[in-house]
Amino acid sequence: MLIGQMKERMRAALKARRTLEKEILGVALGELETVEARKGSLSDEEGFAIIRKLVKSNRETIDASPTPEQKKTLEEEIAILEELLPKSLGAADIEAALAGVKDAIRGAGNDGQATGIAMKALKATSAVVDGKLVGEVVRKLRTTG
């Protein structure tokens, strides 16, 4: 489904002459199709993981980019790729989802173990979350009452 959705967006971008969108979708589609060819099939979750990897790579490249134009282009590419990803939970939503394991998080030996407990609880609910944000919420939960 994800590959089909990307092909549709790529066709629309081509027709509308949105070159940057067409190119970044082409790169992402190539990555997805390569993995699919190697494995035989590709779940949406695996596809989302590949797109997240591309977003992360672009974020790292922004820091090393010498020119403002290049940084702007990378930021636009990230925005296009993030539109393909399911919306992730915000800090307040994560905190609410962790209400049931709050005591276990506070009782953990360190922040790493507490984050592990939190991630396990969030994965059990199939929540889409940013690991760094989960870490911040866990630290907040451990420092407040």
Protein backbone atom coordinates (compact mmCIF):
# COMPACT_ATOMS: atom_id res chain seq x y z
CA MET A 1 0.00 0.00 0.00
CA LEU A 2 2.80 2.43 0.88
CA ILE A 3 4.55 1.87 -2.46
CA GLY A 4 1.30 2.45 -4.35
CA GLN A 5 0.65 5.64 -2.39
CA MET A 6 4.16 6.88 -3.17
CA LYS A 7 3.78 6.13 -6.89
CA GLU A 8 0.55 8.13 -6.97
CA ARG A 9 2.19 11.10 -5.22
CA MET A 10 5.16 10.85 -7.56
CA ARG A 11 2.88 10.95 -10.63
CA ALA A 12 1.03 13.96 -9.21
CA ALA A 13 4.34 15.72 -8.49
CA LEU A 14 5.54 14.98 -12.02
CA LYS A 15 2.35 16.40 -13.54
CA ALA A 16 2.53 19.49 -11.31
CA ARG A 17 6.26 19.90 -12.11
CA ARG A 18 7.27 19.69 -8.46
CA THR A 19 10.78 18.46 -9.20
CA LEU A 20 12.07 18.23 -5.63
CA GLU A 21 9.08 16.19 -4.47
CA LYS A 22 9.34 13.89 -7.50
CA GLU A 23 13.05 13.31 -6.91
CA ILE A 24 12.88 12.57 -3.17
CA LEU A 25 9.88 10.28 -3.66
CA GLY A 26 11.86 8.52 -6.39
CA VAL A 27 14.77 7.96 -4.02
CA ALA A 28 12.49 6.66 -1.27
CA LEU A 29 10.57 4.46 -3.70
CA GLY A 30 13.85 3.02 -4.97
CA GLU A 31 14.89 2.14 -1.42
CA LEU A 32 11.55 0.48 -0.71
CA GLU A 33 11.51 -1.48 -3.97
CA THR A 34 15.09 -2.67 -3.42
CA VAL A 35 14.24 -4.06 0.02
CA GLU A 36 11.01 -5.56 -1.34
CA ALA A 37 12.92 -7.29 -4.16
CA ARG A 38 15.40 -8.77 -1.68
CA LYS A 39 12.80 -9.92 0.86
CA GLY A 40 9.93 -10.80 -1.46
CA SER A 41 7.45 -8.59 0.37
CA LEU A 42 7.45 -5.44 2.44
CA SER A 43 5.05 -4.53 5.23
CA ASP A 44 4.00 -0.93 5.72
CA GLU A 45 5.83 -0.90 9.06
CA GLU A 46 9.08 -1.94 7.36
CA GLY A 47 8.48 0.74 4.74
CA PHE A 48 7.96 3.37 7.42
CA ALA A 49 11.23 2.31 9.04
CA ILE A 50 13.07 2.86 5.74
CA ILE A 51 11.49 6.31 5.33
CA ARG A 52 12.41 7.20 8.93
CA LYS A 53 15.99 6.18 8.12
CA LEU A 54 16.00 8.54 5.12
CA VAL A 55 14.62 11.38 7.29
CA LYS A 56 17.31 10.73 9.91
CA SER A 57 20.01 10.72 7.23
CA ASN A 58 18.78 14.06 5.87
CA ARG A 59 18.74 15.55 9.39
CA GLU A 60 22.35 14.50 9.89
CA THR A 61 23.28 15.97 6.51
CA ILE A 62 21.68 19.31 7.42
CA ASP A 63 24.22 19.74 10.22
CA ALA A 64 27.08 19.21 7.77
CA SER A 65 25.62 21.33 4.96
CA PRO A 66 27.72 24.37 4.15
CA THR A 67 25.10 26.44 2.32
CA PRO A 68 21.68 27.76 3.39
CA GLU A 69 20.21 26.66 0.03
CA GLN A 70 21.27 23.07 0.63
CA LYS A 71 19.85 23.15 4.16
CA LYS A 72 16.54 24.52 2.84
CA THR A 73 16.35 21.77 0.21
CA LEU A 74 17.03 19.08 2.81
CA GLU A 75 14.37 20.51 5.12
CA GLU A 76 11.86 20.44 2.25
CA GLU A 77 12.78 16.81 1.52
CA ILE A 78 12.29 15.92 5.19
CA ALA A 79 8.84 17.56 5.17
CA ILE A 80 7.83 15.56 2.08
CA LEU A 81 9.03 12.27 3.58
CA GLU A 82 7.40 12.95 6.95
CA GLU A 83 4.03 13.37 5.20
CA LEU A 84 4.26 9.67 4.30
CA LEU A 85 4.77 8.59 7.90
CA PRO A 86 1.95 7.97 10.37
CA LYS A 87 1.58 10.76 12.90
CA SER A 88 3.52 10.06 16.07
CA LEU A 89 2.36 10.79 19.61
CA GLY A 90 3.26 14.09 21.24
CA ALA A 91 4.75 14.45 24.73
CA ALA A 92 1.36 14.77 26.47
CA ASP A 93 0.00 11.72 24.62
CA ILE A 94 3.09 9.68 25.53
CA GLU A 95 2.77 10.68 29.17
CA ALA A 96 -0.90 9.66 29.18
CA ALA A 97 -0.09 6.32 27.49
CA LEU A 98 2.54 5.62 30.17
CA ALA A 99 0.19 6.26 33.10
CA GLY A 100 -0.16 2.53 33.75
CA VAL A 101 3.59 1.95 34.07
CA LYS A 102 4.48 5.23 35.80
CA ASP A 103 5.49 3.48 39.04
CA ALA A 104 7.70 0.99 37.19
CA ILE A 105 9.40 3.86 35.33
CA ARG A 106 10.07 5.73 38.57
CA GLY A 107 11.34 2.56 40.25
CA ALA A 108 13.78 1.64 37.45
CA GLY A 109 17.49 1.66 38.27
CA ASN A 110 18.38 4.32 35.70
CA ASP A 111 16.95 6.37 32.83
CA GLY A 112 17.95 3.72 30.27
CA GLN A 113 16.02 0.98 32.04
CA ALA A 114 13.08 3.34 32.56
CA THR A 115 13.05 4.21 28.85
CA GLY A 116 13.11 0.49 28.03
CA ILE A 117 10.04 -0.06 30.21
CA ALA A 118 8.32 2.88 28.51
CA MET A 119 9.17 1.71 24.98
CA LYS A 120 7.93 -1.81 25.74
CA ALA A 121 4.63 -0.41 27.04
CA LEU A 122 4.23 1.88 24.02
CA LYS A 123 5.08 -0.87 21.51
CA ALA A 124 2.43 -3.08 23.12
CA THR A 125 -0.15 -0.45 22.19
CA SER A 126 1.30 -0.12 18.64
CA ALA A 127 1.91 3.57 19.27
CA VAL A 128 4.14 5.45 16.84
CA VAL A 129 6.63 7.45 18.89
CA ASP A 130 9.91 9.31 18.61
CA GLY A 131 12.50 7.62 20.83
CA LYS A 132 14.13 10.89 21.88
CA LEU A 133 10.78 12.33 22.93
CA VAL A 134 10.02 9.18 24.94
CA GLY A 135 13.37 9.61 26.70
CA GLU A 136 12.52 13.22 27.57
CA VAL A 137 9.10 12.23 28.92
CA VAL A 138 10.67 9.41 30.97
CA ARG A 139 13.22 11.80 32.50
CA LYS A 140 10.39 14.22 33.33
CA LEU A 141 8.35 11.44 34.95
CA ARG A 142 11.32 10.33 37.02
CA THR A 143 12.13 13.82 38.28
CA THR A 144 8.55 14.84 39.13
CA GLY A 145 6.79 13.41 42.10
